[in-house]
Amino acid sequence: MRRVRRRGGNKEKVFGCDLLEHLTASCQEVPQVLRSCSEFIEQHGIVDGIYRLSGVSSNIQKLR
């Protein structure tokens, strides 16, 4: 697994604080951690479907 490089010097607390306070202080509608995760998935995720690749039906049935 790769480490994500930290960008900038944002010292605002993200984890362990009230979500509404964080969003108000950062002037954002979506928490930065969710934005970063979704951007990473969009850039590096599988394109078929929404973030997934459909499996072979027979293999899925065997697993069930």
PDB file of N, CA and C in Angstrom:
ATOM      1  N   MET A   1       0.832  -1.174   0.000  1.00  0.00           N
ATOM      2  CA  MET A   1       0.000   0.000   0.000  1.00  0.00           C
ATOM      3  C   MET A   1       0.881   1.243   0.000  1.00  0.00           C
ATOM      4  N   ARG A   2       0.507   2.221  -0.788  1.00  0.00           N
ATOM      5  CA  ARG A   2       1.284   3.451  -0.873  1.00  0.00           C
ATOM      6  C   ARG A   2       0.854   4.427   0.205  1.00  0.00           C
ATOM      7  N   ARG A   3       1.811   5.207   0.652  1.00  0.00           N
ATOM      8  CA  ARG A   3       1.495   6.286   1.595  1.00  0.00           C
ATOM      9  C   ARG A   3       1.061   7.511   0.798  1.00  0.00           C
ATOM     10  N   VAL A   4       0.088   8.205   1.320  1.00  0.00           N
ATOM     11  CA  VAL A   4      -0.378   9.424   0.675  1.00  0.00           C
ATOM     12  C   VAL A   4       0.468  10.578   1.173  1.00  0.00           C
ATOM     13  N   ARG A   5       1.010  11.346   0.247  1.00  0.00           N
ATOM     14  CA  ARG A   5       1.830  12.495   0.618  1.00  0.00           C
ATOM     15  C   ARG A   5       0.943  13.611   1.129  1.00  0.00           C
ATOM     16  N   ARG A   6       1.394  14.244   2.158  1.00  0.00           N
ATOM     17  CA  ARG A   6       0.656  15.353   2.739  1.00  0.00           C
ATOM     18  C   ARG A   6       0.907  16.611   1.921  1.00  0.00           C
ATOM     19  N   ARG A   7      -0.147  17.302   1.562  1.00  0.00           N
ATOM     20  CA  ARG A   7      -0.022  18.535   0.792  1.00  0.00           C
ATOM     21  C   ARG A   7      -0.295  19.718   1.702  1.00  0.00           C
ATOM     22  N   GLY A   8       0.526  20.722   1.604  1.00  0.00           N
ATOM     23  CA  GLY A   8       0.282  21.964   2.328  1.00  0.00           C
ATOM     24  C   GLY A   8       0.484  21.827   3.820  1.00  0.00           C
ATOM     25  N   GLY A   9       0.167  22.874   4.531  1.00  0.00           N
ATOM     26  CA  GLY A   9       0.385  22.892   5.965  1.00  0.00           C
ATOM     27  C   GLY A   9      -0.898  23.026   6.746  1.00  0.00           C
ATOM     28  N   ASN A  10      -1.972  22.409   6.296  1.00  0.00           N
ATOM     29  CA  ASN A  10      -3.251  22.515   6.979  1.00  0.00           C
ATOM     30  C   ASN A  10      -3.167  21.840   8.343  1.00  0.00           C
ATOM     31  N   LYS A  11      -3.283  22.629   9.395  1.00  0.00           N
ATOM     32  CA  LYS A  11      -3.166  22.105  10.754  1.00  0.00           C
ATOM     33  C   LYS A  11      -4.529  21.900  11.408  1.00  0.00           C
ATOM     34  N   GLU A  12      -5.624  22.068  10.643  1.00  0.00           N
ATOM     35  CA  GLU A  12      -6.953  21.890  11.215  1.00  0.00           C
ATOM     36  C   GLU A  12      -7.158  20.442  11.615  1.00  0.00           C
ATOM     37  N   LYS A  13      -7.810  20.251  12.742  1.00  0.00           N
ATOM     38  CA  LYS A  13      -8.110  18.918  13.229  1.00  0.00           C
ATOM     39  C   LYS A  13      -9.213  18.319  12.365  1.00  0.00           C
ATOM     40  N   VAL A  14      -9.060  17.073  11.968  1.00  0.00           N
ATOM     41  CA  VAL A  14     -10.060  16.407  11.141  1.00  0.00           C
ATOM     42  C   VAL A  14     -10.742  15.307  11.935  1.00  0.00           C
ATOM     43  N   PHE A  15      -9.966  14.444  12.556  1.00  0.00           N
ATOM     44  CA  PHE A  15     -10.521  13.344  13.328  1.00  0.00           C
ATOM     45  C   PHE A  15     -10.627  13.763  14.785  1.00  0.00           C
ATOM     46  N   GLY A  16     -11.718  13.379  15.440  1.00  0.00           N
ATOM     47  CA  GLY A  16     -11.884  13.695  16.852  1.00  0.00           C
ATOM     48  C   GLY A  16     -12.493  15.061  17.103  1.00  0.00           C
ATOM     49  N   CYS A  17     -13.032  15.676  16.062  1.00  0.00           N
ATOM     50  CA  CYS A  17     -13.708  16.959  16.264  1.00  0.00           C
ATOM     51  C   CYS A  17     -15.113  16.860  15.673  1.00  0.00           C
ATOM     52  N   ASP A  18     -15.949  17.795  16.036  1.00  0.00           N
ATOM     53  CA  ASP A  18     -17.315  17.827  15.535  1.00  0.00           C
ATOM     54  C   ASP A  18     -17.304  18.100  14.026  1.00  0.00           C
ATOM     55  N   LEU A  19     -18.054  17.304  13.274  1.00  0.00           N
ATOM     56  CA  LEU A  19     -18.055  17.424  11.817  1.00  0.00           C
ATOM     57  C   LEU A  19     -18.542  18.800  11.366  1.00  0.00           C
ATOM     58  N   LEU A  20     -19.597  19.287  11.960  1.00  0.00           N
ATOM     59  CA  LEU A  20     -20.124  20.594  11.568  1.00  0.00           C
ATOM     60  C   LEU A  20     -19.106  21.705  11.829  1.00  0.00           C
ATOM     61  N   GLU A  21     -18.412  21.623  12.960  1.00  0.00           N
ATOM     62  CA  GLU A  21     -17.374  22.614  13.263  1.00  0.00           C
ATOM     63  C   GLU A  21     -16.251  22.561  12.230  1.00  0.00           C
ATOM     64  N   HIS A  22     -15.851  21.351  11.874  1.00  0.00           N
ATOM     65  CA  HIS A  22     -14.780  21.186  10.883  1.00  0.00           C
ATOM     66  C   HIS A  22     -15.189  21.774   9.536  1.00  0.00           C
ATOM     67  N   LEU A  23     -16.402  21.459   9.093  1.00  0.00           N
ATOM     68  CA  LEU A  23     -16.859  21.954   7.796  1.00  0.00           C
ATOM     69  C   LEU A  23     -16.989  23.474   7.801  1.00  0.00           C
ATOM     70  N   THR A  24     -17.456  24.024   8.901  1.00  0.00           N
ATOM     71  CA  THR A  24     -17.574  25.476   9.014  1.00  0.00           C
ATOM     72  C   THR A  24     -16.198  26.136   8.980  1.00  0.00           C
ATOM     73  N   ALA A  25     -15.259  25.587   9.742  1.00  0.00           N
ATOM     74  CA  ALA A  25     -13.909  26.164   9.807  1.00  0.00           C
ATOM     75  C   ALA A  25     -13.175  26.052   8.474  1.00  0.00           C
ATOM     76  N   SER A  26     -13.429  24.970   7.733  1.00  0.00           N
ATOM     77  CA  SER A  26     -12.718  24.760   6.467  1.00  0.00           C
ATOM     78  C   SER A  26     -13.459  25.346   5.270  1.00  0.00           C
ATOM     79  N   CYS A  27     -14.672  25.879   5.509  1.00  0.00           N
ATOM     80  CA  CYS A  27     -15.492  26.460   4.428  1.00  0.00           C
ATOM     81  C   CYS A  27     -15.732  25.457   3.302  1.00  0.00           C
ATOM     82  N   GLN A  28     -15.969  24.194   3.670  1.00  0.00           N
ATOM     83  CA  GLN A  28     -16.221  23.147   2.684  1.00  0.00           C
ATOM     84  C   GLN A  28     -17.545  22.466   3.000  1.00  0.00           C
ATOM     85  N   GLU A  29     -18.177  21.902   1.957  1.00  0.00           N
ATOM     86  CA  GLU A  29     -19.417  21.161   2.148  1.00  0.00           C
ATOM     87  C   GLU A  29     -19.148  19.686   2.406  1.00  0.00           C
ATOM     88  N   VAL A  30     -18.000  19.205   1.941  1.00  0.00           N
ATOM     89  CA  VAL A  30     -17.620  17.799   2.089  1.00  0.00           C
ATOM     90  C   VAL A  30     -16.289  17.749   2.824  1.00  0.00           C
ATOM     91  N   PRO A  31     -16.177  16.867   3.846  1.00  0.00           N
ATOM     92  CA  PRO A  31     -14.900  16.771   4.567  1.00  0.00           C
ATOM     93  C   PRO A  31     -13.753  16.429   3.610  1.00  0.00           C
ATOM     94  N   GLN A  32     -12.597  17.020   3.851  1.00  0.00           N
ATOM     95  CA  GLN A  32     -11.438  16.825   2.975  1.00  0.00           C
ATOM     96  C   GLN A  32     -11.045  15.358   2.871  1.00  0.00           C
ATOM     97  N   VAL A  33     -11.173  14.605   3.957  1.00  0.00           N
ATOM     98  CA  VAL A  33     -10.790  13.190   3.919  1.00  0.00           C
ATOM     99  C   VAL A  33     -11.674  12.428   2.929  1.00  0.00           C
ATOM    100  N   LEU A  34     -12.966  12.738   2.871  1.00  0.00           N
ATOM    101  CA  LEU A  34     -13.849  12.078   1.906  1.00  0.00           C
ATOM    102  C   LEU A  34     -13.552  12.541   0.486  1.00  0.00           C
ATOM    103  N   ARG A  35     -13.267  13.808   0.334  1.00  0.00           N
ATOM    104  CA  ARG A  35     -12.921  14.344  -0.985  1.00  0.00           C
ATOM    105  C   ARG A  35     -11.647  13.670  -1.512  1.00  0.00           C
ATOM    106  N   SER A  36     -10.632  13.545  -0.650  1.00  0.00           N
ATOM    107  CA  SER A  36      -9.367  12.921  -1.056  1.00  0.00           C
ATOM    108  C   SER A  36      -9.558  11.457  -1.422  1.00  0.00           C
ATOM    109  N   CYS A  37     -10.348  10.743  -0.622  1.00  0.00           N
ATOM    110  CA  CYS A  37     -10.595   9.320  -0.909  1.00  0.00           C
ATOM    111  C   CYS A  37     -11.323   9.146  -2.237  1.00  0.00           C
ATOM    112  N   SER A  38     -12.361   9.932  -2.464  1.00  0.00           N
ATOM    113  CA  SER A  38     -13.113   9.792  -3.707  1.00  0.00           C
ATOM    114  C   SER A  38     -12.275  10.201  -4.919  1.00  0.00           C
ATOM    115  N   GLU A  39     -11.432  11.219  -4.781  1.00  0.00           N
ATOM    116  CA  GLU A  39     -10.550  11.610  -5.884  1.00  0.00           C
ATOM    117  C   GLU A  39      -9.554  10.499  -6.207  1.00  0.00           C
ATOM    118  N   PHE A  40      -9.019   9.849  -5.164  1.00  0.00           N
ATOM    119  CA  PHE A  40      -8.077   8.758  -5.387  1.00  0.00           C
ATOM    120  C   PHE A  40      -8.759   7.610  -6.126  1.00  0.00           C
ATOM    121  N   ILE A  41      -9.965   7.264  -5.690  1.00  0.00           N
ATOM    122  CA  ILE A  41     -10.701   6.171  -6.336  1.00  0.00           C
ATOM    123  C   ILE A  41     -11.022   6.533  -7.779  1.00  0.00           C
ATOM    124  N   GLU A  42     -11.431   7.771  -8.015  1.00  0.00           N
ATOM    125  CA  GLU A  42     -11.724   8.205  -9.381  1.00  0.00           C
ATOM    126  C   GLU A  42     -10.493   8.101 -10.279  1.00  0.00           C
ATOM    127  N   GLN A  43      -9.330   8.434  -9.755  1.00  0.00           N
ATOM    128  CA  GLN A  43      -8.105   8.414 -10.558  1.00  0.00           C
ATOM    129  C   GLN A  43      -7.547   7.011 -10.742  1.00  0.00           C
ATOM    130  N   HIS A  44      -7.690   6.161  -9.735  1.00  0.00           N
ATOM    131  CA  HIS A  44      -7.019   4.867  -9.762  1.00  0.00           C
ATOM    132  C   HIS A  44      -7.972   3.674  -9.734  1.00  0.00           C
ATOM    133  N   GLY A  45      -9.253   3.919  -9.622  1.00  0.00           N
ATOM    134  CA  GLY A  45     -10.226   2.837  -9.490  1.00  0.00           C
ATOM    135  C   GLY A  45     -10.540   2.174 -10.812  1.00  0.00           C
ATOM    136  N   ILE A  46     -11.297   1.133 -10.726  1.00  0.00           N
ATOM    137  CA  ILE A  46     -11.725   0.403 -11.916  1.00  0.00           C
ATOM    138  C   ILE A  46     -12.906   1.152 -12.525  1.00  0.00           C
ATOM    139  N   VAL A  47     -12.941   1.231 -13.837  1.00  0.00           N
ATOM    140  CA  VAL A  47     -13.933   2.050 -14.516  1.00  0.00           C
ATOM    141  C   VAL A  47     -15.257   1.330 -14.729  1.00  0.00           C
ATOM    142  N   ASP A  48     -15.260   0.015 -14.902  1.00  0.00           N
ATOM    143  CA  ASP A  48     -16.474  -0.734 -15.209  1.00  0.00           C
ATOM    144  C   ASP A  48     -17.434  -0.683 -14.032  1.00  0.00           C
ATOM    145  N   GLY A  49     -18.576  -0.090 -14.200  1.00  0.00           N
ATOM    146  CA  GLY A  49     -19.532   0.056 -13.112  1.00  0.00           C
ATOM    147  C   GLY A  49     -19.103   1.196 -12.209  1.00  0.00           C
ATOM    148  N   ILE A  50     -19.705   1.285 -11.065  1.00  0.00           N
ATOM    149  CA  ILE A  50     -19.321   2.329 -10.119  1.00  0.00           C
ATOM    150  C   ILE A  50     -18.346   1.710  -9.135  1.00  0.00           C
ATOM    151  N   TYR A  51     -17.057   1.951  -9.357  1.00  0.00           N
ATOM    152  CA  TYR A  51     -15.968   1.500  -8.482  1.00  0.00           C
ATOM    153  C   TYR A  51     -15.861  -0.017  -8.379  1.00  0.00           C
ATOM    154  N   ARG A  52     -16.340  -0.732  -9.359  1.00  0.00           N
ATOM    155  CA  ARG A  52     -16.225  -2.183  -9.281  1.00  0.00           C
ATOM    156  C   ARG A  52     -16.179  -2.784 -10.683  1.00  0.00           C
ATOM    157  N   LEU A  53     -15.742  -4.019 -10.730  1.00  0.00           N
ATOM    158  CA  LEU A  53     -15.740  -4.795 -11.956  1.00  0.00           C
ATOM    159  C   LEU A  53     -16.637  -5.992 -11.707  1.00  0.00           C
ATOM    160  N   SER A  54     -17.627  -6.192 -12.550  1.00  0.00           N
ATOM    161  CA  SER A  54     -18.544  -7.309 -12.359  1.00  0.00           C
ATOM    162  C   SER A  54     -17.796  -8.631 -12.442  1.00  0.00           C
ATOM    163  N   GLY A  55     -18.144  -9.541 -11.543  1.00  0.00           N
ATOM    164  CA  GLY A  55     -17.508 -10.846 -11.520  1.00  0.00           C
ATOM    165  C   GLY A  55     -18.207 -11.829 -12.444  1.00  0.00           C
ATOM    166  N   VAL A  56     -17.587 -12.976 -12.639  1.00  0.00           N
ATOM    167  CA  VAL A  56     -18.184 -14.035 -13.437  1.00  0.00           C
ATOM    168  C   VAL A  56     -19.320 -14.633 -12.614  1.00  0.00           C
ATOM    169  N   SER A  57     -20.487 -14.707 -13.198  1.00  0.00           N
ATOM    170  CA  SER A  57     -21.693 -15.158 -12.505  1.00  0.00           C
ATOM    171  C   SER A  57     -21.516 -16.524 -11.838  1.00  0.00           C
ATOM    172  N   SER A  58     -20.883 -17.468 -12.518  1.00  0.00           N
ATOM    173  CA  SER A  58     -20.706 -18.812 -11.951  1.00  0.00           C
ATOM    174  C   SER A  58     -19.800 -18.779 -10.722  1.00  0.00           C
ATOM    175  N   ASN A  59     -18.760 -17.947 -10.741  1.00  0.00           N
ATOM    176  CA  ASN A  59     -17.876 -17.823  -9.575  1.00  0.00           C
ATOM    177  C   ASN A  59     -18.600 -17.194  -8.394  1.00  0.00           C
ATOM    178  N   ILE A  60     -19.447 -16.224  -8.672  1.00  0.00           N
ATOM    179  CA  ILE A  60     -20.213 -15.581  -7.601  1.00  0.00           C
ATOM    180  C   ILE A  60     -21.148 -16.591  -6.950  1.00  0.00           C
ATOM    181  N   GLN A  61     -21.796 -17.414  -7.769  1.00  0.00           N
ATOM    182  CA  GLN A  61     -22.715 -18.425  -7.232  1.00  0.00           C
ATOM    183  C   GLN A  61     -21.979 -19.447  -6.374  1.00  0.00           C
ATOM    184  N   LYS A  62     -20.765 -19.834  -6.778  1.00  0.00           N
ATOM    185  CA  LYS A  62     -19.969 -20.780  -5.987  1.00  0.00           C
ATOM    186  C   LYS A  62     -19.627 -20.191  -4.624  1.00  0.00           C
ATOM    187  N   LEU A  63     -19.306 -18.899  -4.592  1.00  0.00           N
ATOM    188  CA  LEU A  63     -18.952 -18.249  -3.334  1.00  0.00           C
ATOM    189  C   LEU A  63     -20.146 -18.128  -2.398  1.00  0.00           C
ATOM    190  N   ARG A  64     -21.334 -18.016  -2.951  1.00  0.00           N
ATOM    191  CA  ARG A  64     -22.534 -17.907  -2.117  1.00  0.00           C
ATOM    192  C   ARG A  64     -22.829 -19.246  -1.510  1.00  0.00           C
TER     193      ARG A  64
END
